[in-house]
């Protein structure tokens, strides 16, 4: 399986896991605790795994955009440069927030429930917003890989 096909599958799994995580977080008061206490953490750890896989599959892009020195741009920034600049900043913030979410999840029993709910919940909602912005900035790739018309023979 080539890298693009793998990314398509991994990205769909990530989207599904994010929706499941968000759903269990929003409805945590109505979902029975024995179900919530198993589904939400397991989904979070699976999401962490697939995000690491996503980063691994995109490592050539990461290397080209973060690890190689670039020439300074002296002229006015084009819309593509603005998009690229925002994407770089968001992509640096997302792993930090994911690590913070995992840490707060692991510490849930050692800090007061209300404090954990505020910290973990706020971080989760902030990360969801950044993920939506990440999807928006990558919509060209998403469109070309998921939404393109396929020529099918009748």
C-alpha atoms as a PDB file:
ATOM      1  CA  UNK A   1       0.000   0.000   0.000  1.00  0.00           C
ATOM      2  CA  UNK A   2       1.427   3.364  -0.943  1.00  0.00           C
ATOM      3  CA  UNK A   3       1.752   6.320   1.407  1.00  0.00           C
ATOM      4  CA  UNK A   4      -1.201   8.291  -0.029  1.00  0.00           C
ATOM      5  CA  UNK A   5      -3.606   5.357   0.388  1.00  0.00           C
ATOM      6  CA  UNK A   6      -2.310   4.777   3.910  1.00  0.00           C
ATOM      7  CA  UNK A   7      -2.820   8.468   4.736  1.00  0.00           C
ATOM      8  CA  UNK A   8      -6.379   8.349   3.428  1.00  0.00           C
ATOM      9  CA  UNK A   9      -7.192   5.405   5.701  1.00  0.00           C
ATOM     10  CA  UNK A  10      -5.352   6.846   8.720  1.00  0.00           C
ATOM     11  CA  UNK A  11      -7.014  10.260   8.291  1.00  0.00           C
ATOM     12  CA  UNK A  12     -10.475   8.680   8.132  1.00  0.00           C
ATOM     13  CA  UNK A  13      -9.710   6.712  11.305  1.00  0.00           C
ATOM     14  CA  UNK A  14      -8.472   9.896  13.005  1.00  0.00           C
ATOM     15  CA  UNK A  15     -11.659  11.749  11.996  1.00  0.00           C
ATOM     16  CA  UNK A  16     -13.829   8.889  13.294  1.00  0.00           C
ATOM     17  CA  UNK A  17     -11.923   8.737  16.588  1.00  0.00           C
ATOM     18  CA  UNK A  18     -12.169  12.518  17.048  1.00  0.00           C
ATOM     19  CA  UNK A  19     -15.931  12.377  16.519  1.00  0.00           C
ATOM     20  CA  UNK A  20     -16.220   9.491  18.984  1.00  0.00           C
ATOM     21  CA  UNK A  21     -14.062  11.316  21.541  1.00  0.00           C
ATOM     22  CA  UNK A  22     -16.015  14.537  21.136  1.00  0.00           C
ATOM     23  CA  UNK A  23     -19.303  12.662  21.394  1.00  0.00           C
ATOM     24  CA  UNK A  24     -18.327  10.859  24.571  1.00  0.00           C
ATOM     25  CA  UNK A  25     -16.957  14.107  26.036  1.00  0.00           C
ATOM     26  CA  UNK A  26     -20.096  16.107  25.277  1.00  0.00           C
ATOM     27  CA  UNK A  27     -22.475  13.386  26.480  1.00  0.00           C
ATOM     28  CA  UNK A  28     -20.370  12.116  29.407  1.00  0.00           C
ATOM     29  CA  UNK A  29     -23.150  12.925  31.860  1.00  0.00           C
ATOM     30  CA  UNK A  30     -25.718  10.847  29.945  1.00  0.00           C
ATOM     31  CA  UNK A  31     -23.538   7.881  28.935  1.00  0.00           C
ATOM     32  CA  UNK A  32     -23.343   5.231  31.665  1.00  0.00           C
ATOM     33  CA  UNK A  33     -20.030   5.662  33.494  1.00  0.00           C
ATOM     34  CA  UNK A  34     -18.921   2.043  32.979  1.00  0.00           C
ATOM     35  CA  UNK A  35     -19.183   2.550  29.195  1.00  0.00           C
ATOM     36  CA  UNK A  36     -17.727   6.085  29.209  1.00  0.00           C
ATOM     37  CA  UNK A  37     -14.786   5.086  31.423  1.00  0.00           C
ATOM     38  CA  UNK A  38     -13.759   2.435  28.888  1.00  0.00           C
ATOM     39  CA  UNK A  39     -14.649   4.042  25.547  1.00  0.00           C
ATOM     40  CA  UNK A  40     -13.303   7.586  26.085  1.00  0.00           C
ATOM     41  CA  UNK A  41      -9.774   6.635  27.294  1.00  0.00           C
ATOM     42  CA  UNK A  42      -9.392   3.811  24.769  1.00  0.00           C
ATOM     43  CA  UNK A  43     -10.467   6.128  21.959  1.00  0.00           C
ATOM     44  CA  UNK A  44      -8.007   8.755  23.175  1.00  0.00           C
ATOM     45  CA  UNK A  45      -5.094   6.319  23.205  1.00  0.00           C
ATOM     46  CA  UNK A  46      -6.059   4.997  19.759  1.00  0.00           C
ATOM     47  CA  UNK A  47      -6.210   8.584  18.507  1.00  0.00           C
ATOM     48  CA  UNK A  48      -2.713   9.210  19.893  1.00  0.00           C
ATOM     49  CA  UNK A  49      -1.412   6.129  18.065  1.00  0.00           C
ATOM     50  CA  UNK A  50      -2.976   7.121  14.741  1.00  0.00           C
ATOM     51  CA  UNK A  51      -1.760  10.719  15.089  1.00  0.00           C
ATOM     52  CA  UNK A  52       1.781   9.369  15.522  1.00  0.00           C
ATOM     53  CA  UNK A  53       1.232   7.242  12.419  1.00  0.00           C
ATOM     54  CA  UNK A  54      -0.094  10.335  10.594  1.00  0.00           C
ATOM     55  CA  UNK A  55       3.056  12.257  11.563  1.00  0.00           C
ATOM     56  CA  UNK A  56       5.231   9.337  10.438  1.00  0.00           C
ATOM     57  CA  UNK A  57       3.488   9.159   7.058  1.00  0.00           C
ATOM     58  CA  UNK A  58       3.884  12.945   6.645  1.00  0.00           C
ATOM     59  CA  UNK A  59       7.480  13.035   7.853  1.00  0.00           C
ATOM     60  CA  UNK A  60       8.915  13.994   4.454  1.00  0.00           C
ATOM     61  CA  UNK A  61       6.678  17.106   4.484  1.00  0.00           C
ATOM     62  CA  UNK A  62       7.662  17.819   8.106  1.00  0.00           C
ATOM     63  CA  UNK A  63      11.345  17.449   7.247  1.00  0.00           C
ATOM     64  CA  UNK A  64      11.040  19.741   4.228  1.00  0.00           C
ATOM     65  CA  UNK A  65       9.110  22.423   6.135  1.00  0.00           C
ATOM     66  CA  UNK A  66      10.661  22.342   9.608  1.00  0.00           C
ATOM     67  CA  UNK A  67      14.043  20.665   9.564  1.00  0.00           C
ATOM     68  CA  UNK A  68      15.652  22.189   6.469  1.00  0.00           C
ATOM     69  CA  UNK A  69      16.822  25.799   6.474  1.00  0.00           C
ATOM     70  CA  UNK A  70      14.738  28.022   4.232  1.00  0.00           C
ATOM     71  CA  UNK A  71      15.604  31.273   2.536  1.00  0.00           C
ATOM     72  CA  UNK A  72      13.943  34.306   4.110  1.00  0.00           C
ATOM     73  CA  UNK A  73      11.057  35.679   2.091  1.00  0.00           C
ATOM     74  CA  UNK A  74      11.564  39.399   1.583  1.00  0.00           C
ATOM     75  CA  UNK A  75       8.572  40.351  -0.561  1.00  0.00           C
ATOM     76  CA  UNK A  76       4.932  40.649   0.437  1.00  0.00           C
ATOM     77  CA  UNK A  77       3.450  37.392   1.593  1.00  0.00           C
ATOM     78  CA  UNK A  78       1.228  35.624  -0.900  1.00  0.00           C
ATOM     79  CA  UNK A  79      -1.967  33.868   0.275  1.00  0.00           C
ATOM     80  CA  UNK A  80      -0.142  30.543  -0.114  1.00  0.00           C
ATOM     81  CA  UNK A  81       2.645  31.790   2.153  1.00  0.00           C
ATOM     82  CA  UNK A  82       0.103  32.906   4.752  1.00  0.00           C
ATOM     83  CA  UNK A  83      -1.582  29.504   4.588  1.00  0.00           C
ATOM     84  CA  UNK A  84       1.767  27.776   4.924  1.00  0.00           C
ATOM     85  CA  UNK A  85       2.758  29.986   7.860  1.00  0.00           C
ATOM     86  CA  UNK A  86      -0.502  29.235   9.698  1.00  0.00           C
ATOM     87  CA  UNK A  87      -0.243  25.540   8.923  1.00  0.00           C
ATOM     88  CA  UNK A  88       3.274  25.411  10.365  1.00  0.00           C
ATOM     89  CA  UNK A  89       2.183  27.120  13.581  1.00  0.00           C
ATOM     90  CA  UNK A  90      -0.879  24.923  14.030  1.00  0.00           C
ATOM     91  CA  UNK A  91       1.098  21.777  13.258  1.00  0.00           C
ATOM     92  CA  UNK A  92       3.566  22.690  16.011  1.00  0.00           C
ATOM     93  CA  UNK A  93       0.765  23.355  18.491  1.00  0.00           C
ATOM     94  CA  UNK A  94      -1.252  20.172  17.872  1.00  0.00           C
ATOM     95  CA  UNK A  95       1.326  17.643  19.193  1.00  0.00           C
ATOM     96  CA  UNK A  96       1.920  19.776  22.286  1.00  0.00           C
ATOM     97  CA  UNK A  97      -1.808  19.838  23.011  1.00  0.00           C
ATOM     98  CA  UNK A  98      -2.115  16.098  22.353  1.00  0.00           C
ATOM     99  CA  UNK A  99       0.681  15.403  24.846  1.00  0.00           C
ATOM    100  CA  UNK A 100      -1.027  17.703  27.365  1.00  0.00           C
ATOM    101  CA  UNK A 101      -4.335  15.885  26.832  1.00  0.00           C
ATOM    102  CA  UNK A 102      -2.674  12.514  27.441  1.00  0.00           C
ATOM    103  CA  UNK A 103      -0.936  13.839  30.578  1.00  0.00           C
ATOM    104  CA  UNK A 104      -4.175  15.245  31.978  1.00  0.00           C
ATOM    105  CA  UNK A 105      -5.924  11.974  31.146  1.00  0.00           C
ATOM    106  CA  UNK A 106      -3.273   9.998  33.016  1.00  0.00           C
ATOM    107  CA  UNK A 107      -3.507  12.367  36.006  1.00  0.00           C
ATOM    108  CA  UNK A 108      -7.311  12.223  36.230  1.00  0.00           C
ATOM    109  CA  UNK A 109      -7.279  10.223  39.451  1.00  0.00           C
ATOM    110  CA  UNK A 110      -4.641  12.337  41.185  1.00  0.00           C
ATOM    111  CA  UNK A 111      -6.274  15.754  40.756  1.00  0.00           C
ATOM    112  CA  UNK A 112      -9.758  16.832  41.887  1.00  0.00           C
ATOM    113  CA  UNK A 113     -12.537  15.880  39.465  1.00  0.00           C
ATOM    114  CA  UNK A 114     -13.735  19.437  38.818  1.00  0.00           C
ATOM    115  CA  UNK A 115     -10.178  20.677  38.165  1.00  0.00           C
ATOM    116  CA  UNK A 116      -9.539  17.770  35.797  1.00  0.00           C
ATOM    117  CA  UNK A 117     -12.832  18.365  34.005  1.00  0.00           C
ATOM    118  CA  UNK A 118     -11.945  22.026  33.407  1.00  0.00           C
ATOM    119  CA  UNK A 119      -8.318  21.460  32.316  1.00  0.00           C
ATOM    120  CA  UNK A 120      -8.901  18.346  30.208  1.00  0.00           C
ATOM    121  CA  UNK A 121     -12.171  19.667  28.780  1.00  0.00           C
ATOM    122  CA  UNK A 122     -10.799  23.087  27.819  1.00  0.00           C
ATOM    123  CA  UNK A 123      -7.721  21.508  26.217  1.00  0.00           C
ATOM    124  CA  UNK A 124      -9.936  19.055  24.317  1.00  0.00           C
ATOM    125  CA  UNK A 125     -12.183  21.816  22.975  1.00  0.00           C
ATOM    126  CA  UNK A 126      -9.183  24.001  22.051  1.00  0.00           C
ATOM    127  CA  UNK A 127      -7.551  21.072  20.280  1.00  0.00           C
ATOM    128  CA  UNK A 128     -10.794  20.369  18.409  1.00  0.00           C
ATOM    129  CA  UNK A 129     -10.759  23.956  17.148  1.00  0.00           C
ATOM    130  CA  UNK A 130      -7.146  23.626  16.003  1.00  0.00           C
ATOM    131  CA  UNK A 131      -7.959  20.332  14.277  1.00  0.00           C
ATOM    132  CA  UNK A 132     -10.814  22.026  12.406  1.00  0.00           C
ATOM    133  CA  UNK A 133      -8.417  24.801  11.359  1.00  0.00           C
ATOM    134  CA  UNK A 134      -5.860  22.152  10.311  1.00  0.00           C
ATOM    135  CA  UNK A 135      -8.535  20.461   8.170  1.00  0.00           C
ATOM    136  CA  UNK A 136      -9.538  23.817   6.663  1.00  0.00           C
ATOM    137  CA  UNK A 137      -5.931  24.652   5.742  1.00  0.00           C
ATOM    138  CA  UNK A 138      -5.446  21.178   4.234  1.00  0.00           C
ATOM    139  CA  UNK A 139      -8.780  21.168   2.433  1.00  0.00           C
ATOM    140  CA  UNK A 140      -7.111  21.164  -0.999  1.00  0.00           C
ATOM    141  CA  UNK A 141      -5.445  17.842  -0.188  1.00  0.00           C
ATOM    142  CA  UNK A 142      -8.657  16.491   1.339  1.00  0.00           C
ATOM    143  CA  UNK A 143     -10.659  17.556  -1.701  1.00  0.00           C
ATOM    144  CA  UNK A 144      -8.243  15.962  -4.139  1.00  0.00           C
ATOM    145  CA  UNK A 145      -8.049  12.704  -2.175  1.00  0.00           C
ATOM    146  CA  UNK A 146     -11.608  12.216  -0.932  1.00  0.00           C
ATOM    147  CA  UNK A 147     -13.975  14.410  -2.906  1.00  0.00           C
ATOM    148  CA  UNK A 148     -12.727  14.090  -6.486  1.00  0.00           C
ATOM    149  CA  UNK A 149     -15.048  12.619  -9.073  1.00  0.00           C
ATOM    150  CA  UNK A 150     -14.123   9.140 -10.056  1.00  0.00           C
ATOM    151  CA  UNK A 151     -14.544   8.004 -13.638  1.00  0.00           C
ATOM    152  CA  UNK A 152     -16.410   4.752 -13.450  1.00  0.00           C
ATOM    153  CA  UNK A 153     -17.245   2.556 -16.380  1.00  0.00           C
ATOM    154  CA  UNK A 154     -20.896   1.599 -16.656  1.00  0.00           C
END
